[in-house]
């Protein structure tokens, strides 16, 4: 039986915390930053936690069963 592989696209975009929750980067931070005010850009620096069915999907893709 072949081994399960980690989903590389999800690995680049999401991270699992020590307590087992999944985190993501904020969107709208890549380019066209001159028209966004400082407060908005500061808030976009923070990541956010993901919950629910989406989080389970991400965790399963990052930590596959062997």
C-alpha atoms as a PDB file:
ATOM      1  CA  UNK A   1       0.000   0.000   0.000  1.00  0.00           C
ATOM      2  CA  UNK A   2       1.496   3.423  -0.924  1.00  0.00           C
ATOM      3  CA  UNK A   3       2.016   6.096   1.711  1.00  0.00           C
ATOM      4  CA  UNK A   4      -0.351   9.049   2.071  1.00  0.00           C
ATOM      5  CA  UNK A   5       1.226  12.331   0.978  1.00  0.00           C
ATOM      6  CA  UNK A   6       0.956  15.804   2.464  1.00  0.00           C
ATOM      7  CA  UNK A   7      -0.949  18.223   0.202  1.00  0.00           C
ATOM      8  CA  UNK A   8       1.815  20.638  -0.824  1.00  0.00           C
ATOM      9  CA  UNK A   9      -0.514  23.494  -1.839  1.00  0.00           C
ATOM     10  CA  UNK A  10      -2.197  23.459   1.569  1.00  0.00           C
ATOM     11  CA  UNK A  11       1.174  23.143   3.307  1.00  0.00           C
ATOM     12  CA  UNK A  12       2.291  26.459   1.752  1.00  0.00           C
ATOM     13  CA  UNK A  13      -0.856  28.356   2.780  1.00  0.00           C
ATOM     14  CA  UNK A  14      -1.879  26.993   6.173  1.00  0.00           C
ATOM     15  CA  UNK A  15      -0.216  26.086   9.452  1.00  0.00           C
ATOM     16  CA  UNK A  16      -1.305  23.980  12.422  1.00  0.00           C
ATOM     17  CA  UNK A  17      -0.813  25.487  15.880  1.00  0.00           C
ATOM     18  CA  UNK A  18       0.539  23.559  18.876  1.00  0.00           C
ATOM     19  CA  UNK A  19      -2.998  23.101  20.190  1.00  0.00           C
ATOM     20  CA  UNK A  20      -4.125  21.568  16.867  1.00  0.00           C
ATOM     21  CA  UNK A  21      -5.983  24.526  15.342  1.00  0.00           C
ATOM     22  CA  UNK A  22      -5.327  25.659  11.772  1.00  0.00           C
ATOM     23  CA  UNK A  23      -4.290  29.194  10.855  1.00  0.00           C
ATOM     24  CA  UNK A  24      -4.202  31.150   7.587  1.00  0.00           C
ATOM     25  CA  UNK A  25      -2.780  34.409   6.285  1.00  0.00           C
ATOM     26  CA  UNK A  26      -5.078  37.342   5.559  1.00  0.00           C
ATOM     27  CA  UNK A  27      -6.025  38.013   1.959  1.00  0.00           C
ATOM     28  CA  UNK A  28      -5.562  41.387   0.154  1.00  0.00           C
ATOM     29  CA  UNK A  29      -1.991  41.880   1.358  1.00  0.00           C
ATOM     30  CA  UNK A  30      -0.089  40.956  -1.818  1.00  0.00           C
ATOM     31  CA  UNK A  31      -0.108  44.136  -3.912  1.00  0.00           C
ATOM     32  CA  UNK A  32      -1.906  47.468  -4.510  1.00  0.00           C
ATOM     33  CA  UNK A  33      -1.073  48.514  -0.957  1.00  0.00           C
ATOM     34  CA  UNK A  34      -0.787  52.251  -1.672  1.00  0.00           C
ATOM     35  CA  UNK A  35      -4.557  52.792  -1.693  1.00  0.00           C
ATOM     36  CA  UNK A  36      -5.090  50.883   1.583  1.00  0.00           C
ATOM     37  CA  UNK A  37      -4.723  52.909   4.768  1.00  0.00           C
ATOM     38  CA  UNK A  38      -2.258  52.039   7.517  1.00  0.00           C
ATOM     39  CA  UNK A  39      -4.809  50.640   9.937  1.00  0.00           C
ATOM     40  CA  UNK A  40      -6.153  48.249   7.321  1.00  0.00           C
ATOM     41  CA  UNK A  41      -2.651  47.027   6.400  1.00  0.00           C
ATOM     42  CA  UNK A  42      -1.794  46.552  10.086  1.00  0.00           C
ATOM     43  CA  UNK A  43      -4.903  44.443  10.605  1.00  0.00           C
ATOM     44  CA  UNK A  44      -4.075  42.374   7.519  1.00  0.00           C
ATOM     45  CA  UNK A  45      -0.681  41.442   9.015  1.00  0.00           C
ATOM     46  CA  UNK A  46      -2.425  39.197  11.483  1.00  0.00           C
ATOM     47  CA  UNK A  47      -3.408  35.704  10.532  1.00  0.00           C
ATOM     48  CA  UNK A  48      -6.692  34.156  11.572  1.00  0.00           C
ATOM     49  CA  UNK A  49      -7.879  30.825  12.916  1.00  0.00           C
ATOM     50  CA  UNK A  50     -10.054  28.518  10.847  1.00  0.00           C
ATOM     51  CA  UNK A  51     -12.848  26.532  12.431  1.00  0.00           C
ATOM     52  CA  UNK A  52     -15.468  24.004  11.451  1.00  0.00           C
ATOM     53  CA  UNK A  53     -15.462  21.544   8.572  1.00  0.00           C
ATOM     54  CA  UNK A  54     -12.883  23.557   6.635  1.00  0.00           C
ATOM     55  CA  UNK A  55     -10.375  23.202   9.491  1.00  0.00           C
ATOM     56  CA  UNK A  56     -10.873  19.431   9.593  1.00  0.00           C
ATOM     57  CA  UNK A  57     -10.214  19.230   5.852  1.00  0.00           C
ATOM     58  CA  UNK A  58      -6.993  21.233   6.196  1.00  0.00           C
ATOM     59  CA  UNK A  59      -5.732  19.224   9.164  1.00  0.00           C
ATOM     60  CA  UNK A  60      -6.414  15.950   7.342  1.00  0.00           C
ATOM     61  CA  UNK A  61      -4.507  17.184   4.294  1.00  0.00           C
ATOM     62  CA  UNK A  62      -1.518  18.279   6.402  1.00  0.00           C
ATOM     63  CA  UNK A  63      -1.389  15.258   8.703  1.00  0.00           C
ATOM     64  CA  UNK A  64      -2.405  12.282   6.612  1.00  0.00           C
ATOM     65  CA  UNK A  65      -2.911   8.862   8.201  1.00  0.00           C
ATOM     66  CA  UNK A  66      -0.147   6.417   7.345  1.00  0.00           C
END
